[in-house]
Amino acid sequence: MQTLSINITSNKKIYFISDLHLGAPNYINSLEREKKVIAFLDFIKQDAQALFLVGDTFDFWFEYQHVVPKYFVRFFAKLIELKEKGIDIYIFTGNHDLWFNDYLQQEIGVQIFHKKIEIQTNTKNILVAHGDGLGPGDTKYKLLKRIFTNPICQWLFRWLHPDIGIKIAQTWSRHSFTDPKLEVFKGEDKEWLIQYCKQKLNEQHFDFFIMGHRHLPMEIKLNEQSTYLNLGDWIVNCHYAVFDGNEMQLIKFENGQ
């Protein structure tokens, strides 16, 4: 597991958001959500030291050699603004946007993570992952992920004209999409990501586990020293986590704050 060391400076914070699903379910709804995300980015830019986008930032993303999906211009412009202010930006791949290469690294200067990472701060250890494919169960998706991330399968997909390939992928994405309004807490013994975190604690201590994927914001004490937080989504819930070097809070973003 890759380790990222962050020395949080005075009066600075680390922010985490997940499951923006920009692009879904249509242009109008996505644009409305994109503007709310931009309001959030404006809100954090005065004290953010780092921003983590913890997977499924886009409902679909695929990089051909010379083509990327259109739209998201306002979002990209705001990320560039934050980066130019000295804010570090990290993006995780999710199950809807597995196929990042180097476009955003070159154009914006973000760092891409394809797997879970450990963040070591001056005071706490944090495990961050999108969450797809972790924990027991979900064997069908785990098989699909192996296919989707296979270099040969990706090479074959690139031979499709972008208009055809992106249309197929968007149709698949919407077919597999679960309405966040229908998500309910299943109980700690049936929440796969909670089970994964508890198992991980048998191997190594983490003060916080930060994940997305579940589309349901939650904060669960795993023991006296460790907490699991799920960031939910920005289709319905619009939550974010913020860490000031000592405390981690899960907060709903409302009315620009």
Protein backbone atom coordinates (compact mmCIF):
# COMPACT_ATOMS: atom_id res chain seq x y z
CA MET A 1 0.00 0.00 0.00
CA GLN A 2 1.35 3.39 -0.99
CA THR A 3 2.08 5.86 1.80
CA LEU A 4 1.62 9.63 1.51
CA SER A 5 3.13 11.87 4.20
CA ILE A 6 1.46 15.22 4.86
CA ASN A 7 2.73 17.65 7.46
CA ILE A 8 -0.32 19.79 8.15
CA THR A 9 0.69 23.39 8.66
CA SER A 10 -0.91 25.78 11.12
CA ASN A 11 -4.51 26.80 10.32
CA LYS A 12 -4.64 24.49 7.30
CA LYS A 13 -6.97 21.54 6.66
CA ILE A 14 -7.36 18.46 4.50
CA TYR A 15 -10.70 18.01 2.71
CA PHE A 16 -12.27 14.84 1.32
CA ILE A 17 -15.24 14.44 -1.04
CA SER A 18 -16.44 11.51 -3.12
CA ASP A 19 -18.96 10.28 -5.68
CA LEU A 20 -19.67 13.50 -7.55
CA HIS A 21 -20.71 11.45 -10.60
CA LEU A 22 -20.32 14.46 -12.88
CA GLY A 23 -22.04 13.73 -16.17
CA ALA A 24 -24.97 11.80 -14.68
CA PRO A 25 -27.81 11.44 -15.38
CA ASN A 26 -27.88 14.20 -18.02
CA TYR A 27 -26.23 17.50 -18.90
CA ILE A 28 -28.68 19.75 -17.01
CA ASN A 29 -28.61 17.84 -13.72
CA SER A 30 -24.87 17.35 -13.92
CA LEU A 31 -24.26 21.06 -14.55
CA GLU A 32 -26.34 21.98 -11.50
CA ARG A 33 -24.30 19.58 -9.37
CA GLU A 34 -21.04 20.81 -10.90
CA LYS A 35 -21.88 24.38 -9.85
CA LYS A 36 -22.54 23.22 -6.28
CA VAL A 37 -19.19 21.42 -6.22
CA ILE A 38 -17.51 24.60 -7.46
CA ALA A 39 -19.19 26.54 -4.63
CA PHE A 40 -17.70 24.00 -2.22
CA LEU A 41 -14.24 24.40 -3.78
CA ASP A 42 -14.55 28.18 -3.40
CA PHE A 43 -15.53 27.64 0.23
CA ILE A 44 -12.43 25.57 1.08
CA LYS A 45 -9.77 27.43 -0.87
CA GLN A 46 -8.89 29.83 1.97
CA ASP A 47 -7.70 27.13 4.37
CA ALA A 48 -7.24 23.95 2.33
CA GLN A 49 -3.80 22.39 2.27
CA ALA A 50 -4.95 19.34 0.32
CA LEU A 51 -8.09 18.10 -1.42
CA PHE A 52 -8.88 14.42 -1.94
CA LEU A 53 -11.47 13.39 -4.52
CA VAL A 54 -12.11 9.83 -3.35
CA GLY A 55 -13.43 8.15 -6.50
CA ASP A 56 -16.31 8.39 -8.98
CA THR A 57 -15.59 12.05 -9.59
CA PHE A 58 -17.04 11.40 -13.04
CA ASP A 59 -19.86 9.05 -13.92
CA PHE A 60 -17.65 7.95 -16.79
CA TRP A 61 -14.11 8.79 -17.81
CA PHE A 62 -11.89 7.21 -20.45
CA GLU A 63 -8.74 8.63 -22.01
CA TYR A 64 -8.11 7.82 -25.63
CA GLN A 65 -4.72 8.82 -27.02
CA HIS A 66 -6.01 12.18 -28.27
CA VAL A 67 -9.57 12.36 -26.89
CA VAL A 68 -11.16 12.77 -23.45
CA PRO A 69 -14.87 13.23 -22.58
CA LYS A 70 -16.10 16.77 -23.11
CA TYR A 71 -17.85 18.97 -20.47
CA PHE A 72 -16.61 19.71 -16.93
CA VAL A 73 -14.78 22.87 -18.06
CA ARG A 74 -15.88 24.89 -15.00
CA PHE A 75 -14.80 22.11 -12.66
CA PHE A 76 -11.39 21.77 -14.28
CA ALA A 77 -10.86 25.53 -14.22
CA LYS A 78 -11.58 25.60 -10.47
CA LEU A 79 -9.14 22.74 -9.83
CA ILE A 80 -6.48 24.67 -11.73
CA GLU A 81 -7.21 27.73 -9.59
CA LEU A 82 -6.79 25.71 -6.39
CA LYS A 83 -3.61 24.11 -7.66
CA GLU A 84 -2.15 27.50 -8.53
CA LYS A 85 -2.91 28.63 -4.96
CA GLY A 86 -0.63 25.85 -3.75
CA ILE A 87 -3.35 23.35 -2.76
CA ASP A 88 -2.41 19.73 -3.42
CA ILE A 89 -5.10 17.76 -5.25
CA TYR A 90 -5.38 13.98 -5.23
CA ILE A 91 -7.88 11.99 -7.29
CA PHE A 92 -8.78 8.34 -6.74
CA THR A 93 -10.26 6.18 -9.45
CA GLY A 94 -13.67 4.72 -8.65
CA ASN A 95 -15.76 1.99 -10.21
CA HIS A 96 -17.25 4.52 -12.67
CA ASP A 97 -14.01 6.25 -13.66
CA LEU A 98 -11.38 3.51 -13.59
CA TRP A 99 -9.58 4.67 -16.71
CA PHE A 100 -7.52 7.69 -15.72
CA ASN A 101 -4.13 7.98 -17.38
CA ASP A 102 -2.01 11.13 -17.40
CA TYR A 103 -4.31 13.83 -18.85
CA LEU A 104 -5.25 15.47 -15.53
CA GLN A 105 -1.73 15.07 -14.22
CA GLN A 106 -0.32 16.94 -17.21
CA GLU A 107 -3.02 19.60 -17.52
CA ILE A 108 -3.77 20.33 -13.86
CA GLY A 109 -0.98 18.76 -11.83
CA VAL A 110 -3.15 16.44 -9.75
CA GLN A 111 -1.90 13.09 -8.48
CA ILE A 112 -3.90 9.99 -9.41
CA PHE A 113 -4.30 6.97 -7.13
CA HIS A 114 -5.64 3.68 -8.49
CA LYS A 115 -5.58 1.87 -5.14
CA LYS A 116 -6.01 2.59 -1.45
CA ILE A 117 -3.33 4.63 0.28
CA GLU A 118 -2.17 5.40 3.80
CA ILE A 119 -1.85 9.06 4.77
CA GLN A 120 0.61 9.74 7.57
CA THR A 121 0.09 13.17 9.11
CA ASN A 122 1.92 14.77 12.02
CA THR A 123 -0.63 13.25 14.41
CA LYS A 124 -2.79 10.56 12.76
CA ASN A 125 -2.74 7.68 10.30
CA ILE A 126 -5.55 7.61 7.75
CA LEU A 127 -6.48 4.93 5.21
CA VAL A 128 -8.21 6.34 2.14
CA ALA A 129 -9.89 4.30 -0.59
CA HIS A 130 -12.89 4.60 -2.87
CA GLY A 131 -14.08 1.28 -1.50
CA ASP A 132 -15.09 -0.67 -4.60
CA GLY A 133 -13.98 -4.28 -4.43
CA LEU A 134 -12.92 -4.15 -0.78
CA GLY A 135 -14.27 -6.44 1.91
CA PRO A 136 -16.19 -9.71 1.59
CA GLY A 137 -18.80 -10.39 -1.08
CA ASP A 138 -19.49 -8.44 -4.29
CA THR A 139 -17.79 -11.18 -6.31
CA LYS A 140 -19.54 -10.22 -9.55
CA TYR A 141 -18.12 -6.69 -9.46
CA LYS A 142 -14.66 -7.93 -8.48
CA LEU A 143 -14.63 -10.09 -11.61
CA LEU A 144 -15.85 -7.20 -13.77
CA LYS A 145 -13.17 -4.92 -12.34
CA ARG A 146 -10.48 -7.38 -13.36
CA ILE A 147 -11.87 -7.29 -16.89
CA PHE A 148 -12.26 -3.50 -17.01
CA THR A 149 -8.71 -2.89 -15.75
CA ASN A 150 -7.11 -5.49 -18.01
CA PRO A 151 -4.67 -3.69 -20.37
CA ILE A 152 -5.72 -5.83 -23.35
CA CYS A 153 -9.42 -5.05 -22.79
CA GLN A 154 -8.63 -1.35 -22.54
CA TRP A 155 -6.55 -1.51 -25.73
CA LEU A 156 -9.44 -3.17 -27.57
CA PHE A 157 -11.91 -0.55 -26.27
CA ARG A 158 -9.70 2.24 -27.64
CA TRP A 159 -10.26 0.91 -31.14
CA LEU A 160 -13.89 1.95 -30.90
CA HIS A 161 -14.65 5.44 -32.20
CA PRO A 162 -14.97 7.72 -29.11
CA ASP A 163 -18.59 8.58 -29.95
CA ILE A 164 -19.44 4.87 -29.91
CA GLY A 165 -17.22 3.86 -26.98
CA ILE A 166 -18.35 6.67 -24.71
CA LYS A 167 -22.02 6.07 -25.57
CA ILE A 168 -21.70 2.37 -24.71
CA ALA A 169 -19.90 3.15 -21.45
CA GLN A 170 -22.42 5.80 -20.41
CA THR A 171 -25.30 3.39 -21.06
CA TRP A 172 -23.59 0.72 -18.96
CA SER A 173 -22.84 3.23 -16.19
CA ARG A 174 -26.45 4.37 -15.95
CA HIS A 175 -27.70 0.78 -16.05
CA SER A 176 -25.51 -0.11 -13.06
CA PHE A 177 -26.24 3.08 -11.13
CA THR A 178 -28.04 2.84 -7.77
CA ASP A 179 -30.24 5.76 -6.73
CA PRO A 180 -28.67 7.21 -3.54
CA LYS A 181 -32.16 7.95 -2.22
CA LEU A 182 -32.72 4.20 -1.94
CA GLU A 183 -29.58 3.47 0.06
CA VAL A 184 -30.09 2.35 3.66
CA PHE A 185 -27.69 1.34 6.40
CA LYS A 186 -27.55 -2.46 6.51
CA GLY A 187 -25.97 -2.86 9.93
CA GLU A 188 -22.30 -3.17 10.78
CA ASP A 189 -22.25 -6.92 10.21
CA LYS A 190 -23.57 -6.51 6.63
CA GLU A 191 -21.71 -3.38 5.54
CA TRP A 192 -18.78 -4.77 3.54
CA LEU A 193 -16.58 -1.73 3.98
CA ILE A 194 -17.03 -1.69 7.76
CA GLN A 195 -16.10 -5.37 7.82
CA TYR A 196 -13.02 -4.61 5.73
CA CYS A 197 -11.94 -1.82 8.11
CA LYS A 198 -12.35 -4.04 11.16
CA GLN A 199 -10.26 -6.74 9.51
CA LYS A 200 -7.61 -4.19 8.57
CA LEU A 201 -7.36 -3.07 12.20
CA ASN A 202 -6.17 -6.57 13.08
CA GLU A 203 -3.14 -5.92 10.89
CA GLN A 204 -2.41 -2.22 11.48
CA HIS A 205 -3.82 0.70 13.45
CA PHE A 206 -5.51 3.54 11.61
CA ASP A 207 -7.13 6.47 13.35
CA PHE A 208 -9.52 7.02 10.45
CA PHE A 209 -10.81 5.13 7.42
CA ILE A 210 -12.12 7.45 4.69
CA MET A 211 -14.14 5.89 1.86
CA GLY A 212 -16.86 6.59 -0.68
CA HIS A 213 -18.65 4.22 -3.06
CA ARG A 214 -21.51 3.51 -0.65
CA HIS A 215 -23.48 6.72 -1.44
CA LEU A 216 -24.52 6.89 2.21
CA PRO A 217 -22.75 9.26 4.62
CA MET A 218 -21.88 7.54 7.87
CA GLU A 219 -19.54 7.83 10.81
CA ILE A 220 -18.94 4.61 12.75
CA LYS A 221 -16.70 4.10 15.77
CA LEU A 222 -14.78 0.86 15.17
CA ASN A 223 -13.09 1.02 18.57
CA GLU A 224 -12.00 3.71 21.03
CA GLN A 225 -9.24 4.94 18.73
CA SER A 226 -10.47 4.27 15.21
CA THR A 227 -13.37 5.67 13.16
CA TYR A 228 -14.82 4.76 9.77
CA LEU A 229 -16.31 7.58 7.70
CA ASN A 230 -18.14 7.20 4.43
CA LEU A 231 -18.36 10.40 2.43
CA GLY A 232 -21.68 9.59 0.79
CA ASP A 233 -22.34 11.26 -2.55
CA TRP A 234 -23.03 14.65 -4.13
CA ILE A 235 -26.16 13.61 -6.00
CA VAL A 236 -28.30 13.69 -2.86
CA ASN A 237 -26.27 14.09 0.33
CA CYS A 238 -23.44 16.55 -0.45
CA HIS A 239 -21.20 15.69 2.51
CA TYR A 240 -17.49 16.25 2.97
CA ALA A 241 -14.91 15.33 5.59
CA VAL A 242 -12.41 17.83 6.95
CA PHE A 243 -9.31 17.09 9.03
CA ASP A 244 -7.47 19.85 10.90
CA GLY A 245 -4.59 17.70 12.13
CA ASN A 246 -6.39 16.47 15.23
CA GLU A 247 -10.13 16.13 14.59
CA MET A 248 -11.99 14.66 11.63
CA GLN A 249 -15.52 15.91 10.95
CA LEU A 250 -18.16 14.74 8.49
CA ILE A 251 -20.23 17.77 7.44
CA LYS A 252 -23.11 18.41 5.06
CA PHE A 253 -22.43 21.25 2.62
CA GLU A 254 -25.41 23.58 2.58
CA ASN A 255 -25.95 27.18 1.42
CA GLY A 256 -22.31 27.61 0.46
CA GLN A 257 -20.86 26.47 3.77
